[in-house]
């Protein structure tokens, strides 16, 4: 059994999906669904990927 992560959720309560991407937090739907059971290292990966997506979207 893996230990669940302790990272704070990146959810900003502005959920609006554009396909598989949440326009609020930048996570993909699969990442949102995985969050609660993901270990700490995976949660950090998700946070980093979401931040990259938000930054990319803002630079357009």
C-alpha atoms as a PDB file:
ATOM      1  CA  UNK A   1       0.000   0.000   0.000  1.00  0.00           C
ATOM      2  CA  UNK A   2       1.305   3.455  -0.860  1.00  0.00           C
ATOM      3  CA  UNK A   3       1.069   6.373   1.515  1.00  0.00           C
ATOM      4  CA  UNK A   4      -1.294   9.096   0.381  1.00  0.00           C
ATOM      5  CA  UNK A   5       0.275  12.435  -0.372  1.00  0.00           C
ATOM      6  CA  UNK A   6       0.007  15.419   1.914  1.00  0.00           C
ATOM      7  CA  UNK A   7       0.301  18.214  -0.611  1.00  0.00           C
ATOM      8  CA  UNK A   8      -2.470  20.811  -0.512  1.00  0.00           C
ATOM      9  CA  UNK A   9      -4.830  20.447  -3.428  1.00  0.00           C
ATOM     10  CA  UNK A  10      -4.105  22.861  -6.290  1.00  0.00           C
ATOM     11  CA  UNK A  11      -7.864  23.297  -6.766  1.00  0.00           C
ATOM     12  CA  UNK A  12      -8.813  26.989  -6.864  1.00  0.00           C
ATOM     13  CA  UNK A  13     -12.582  26.337  -6.947  1.00  0.00           C
ATOM     14  CA  UNK A  14     -12.915  27.741 -10.477  1.00  0.00           C
ATOM     15  CA  UNK A  15     -13.605  24.422 -12.140  1.00  0.00           C
ATOM     16  CA  UNK A  16     -14.344  24.627 -15.826  1.00  0.00           C
ATOM     17  CA  UNK A  17     -13.216  21.806 -18.084  1.00  0.00           C
ATOM     18  CA  UNK A  18     -11.969  22.513 -21.589  1.00  0.00           C
ATOM     19  CA  UNK A  19     -11.867  18.964 -22.886  1.00  0.00           C
ATOM     20  CA  UNK A  20      -9.723  17.154 -20.304  1.00  0.00           C
ATOM     21  CA  UNK A  21      -8.129  20.311 -18.831  1.00  0.00           C
ATOM     22  CA  UNK A  22      -9.445  22.261 -15.843  1.00  0.00           C
ATOM     23  CA  UNK A  23      -9.107  25.929 -16.705  1.00  0.00           C
ATOM     24  CA  UNK A  24      -8.943  26.839 -13.002  1.00  0.00           C
ATOM     25  CA  UNK A  25      -6.128  24.698 -11.602  1.00  0.00           C
ATOM     26  CA  UNK A  26      -4.500  23.425 -14.803  1.00  0.00           C
ATOM     27  CA  UNK A  27      -4.839  19.733 -13.968  1.00  0.00           C
ATOM     28  CA  UNK A  28      -6.043  17.123 -16.400  1.00  0.00           C
ATOM     29  CA  UNK A  29      -9.209  15.227 -15.504  1.00  0.00           C
ATOM     30  CA  UNK A  30      -7.222  12.038 -14.844  1.00  0.00           C
ATOM     31  CA  UNK A  31      -4.933  13.972 -12.462  1.00  0.00           C
ATOM     32  CA  UNK A  32      -7.933  15.371 -10.591  1.00  0.00           C
ATOM     33  CA  UNK A  33      -9.388  11.882 -10.186  1.00  0.00           C
ATOM     34  CA  UNK A  34      -6.004  10.462  -9.115  1.00  0.00           C
ATOM     35  CA  UNK A  35      -5.247  13.210  -6.573  1.00  0.00           C
ATOM     36  CA  UNK A  36      -6.757  11.716  -3.409  1.00  0.00           C
ATOM     37  CA  UNK A  37      -4.904   8.419  -3.672  1.00  0.00           C
ATOM     38  CA  UNK A  38      -1.642   9.698  -5.173  1.00  0.00           C
ATOM     39  CA  UNK A  39       1.549   9.501  -3.092  1.00  0.00           C
ATOM     40  CA  UNK A  40       3.395  12.705  -2.201  1.00  0.00           C
ATOM     41  CA  UNK A  41       5.901  12.491  -5.065  1.00  0.00           C
ATOM     42  CA  UNK A  42       3.117  12.062  -7.627  1.00  0.00           C
ATOM     43  CA  UNK A  43       1.165  14.970  -6.160  1.00  0.00           C
ATOM     44  CA  UNK A  44       4.245  17.169  -6.564  1.00  0.00           C
ATOM     45  CA  UNK A  45       4.538  16.037 -10.202  1.00  0.00           C
ATOM     46  CA  UNK A  46       0.887  16.909 -10.809  1.00  0.00           C
ATOM     47  CA  UNK A  47       1.330  20.346  -9.195  1.00  0.00           C
ATOM     48  CA  UNK A  48       4.370  21.068 -11.388  1.00  0.00           C
ATOM     49  CA  UNK A  49       2.637  19.905 -14.588  1.00  0.00           C
ATOM     50  CA  UNK A  50      -0.455  21.973 -13.787  1.00  0.00           C
ATOM     51  CA  UNK A  51       1.690  25.056 -13.143  1.00  0.00           C
ATOM     52  CA  UNK A  52       3.402  24.590 -16.525  1.00  0.00           C
ATOM     53  CA  UNK A  53       0.030  24.327 -18.266  1.00  0.00           C
ATOM     54  CA  UNK A  54      -1.283  27.478 -16.573  1.00  0.00           C
ATOM     55  CA  UNK A  55       1.878  29.401 -17.471  1.00  0.00           C
ATOM     56  CA  UNK A  56       1.689  28.217 -21.069  1.00  0.00           C
ATOM     57  CA  UNK A  57      -1.956  29.245 -21.324  1.00  0.00           C
ATOM     58  CA  UNK A  58      -1.208  32.702 -19.888  1.00  0.00           C
ATOM     59  CA  UNK A  59       1.666  33.293 -22.317  1.00  0.00           C
ATOM     60  CA  UNK A  60      -0.562  32.877 -25.375  1.00  0.00           C
END
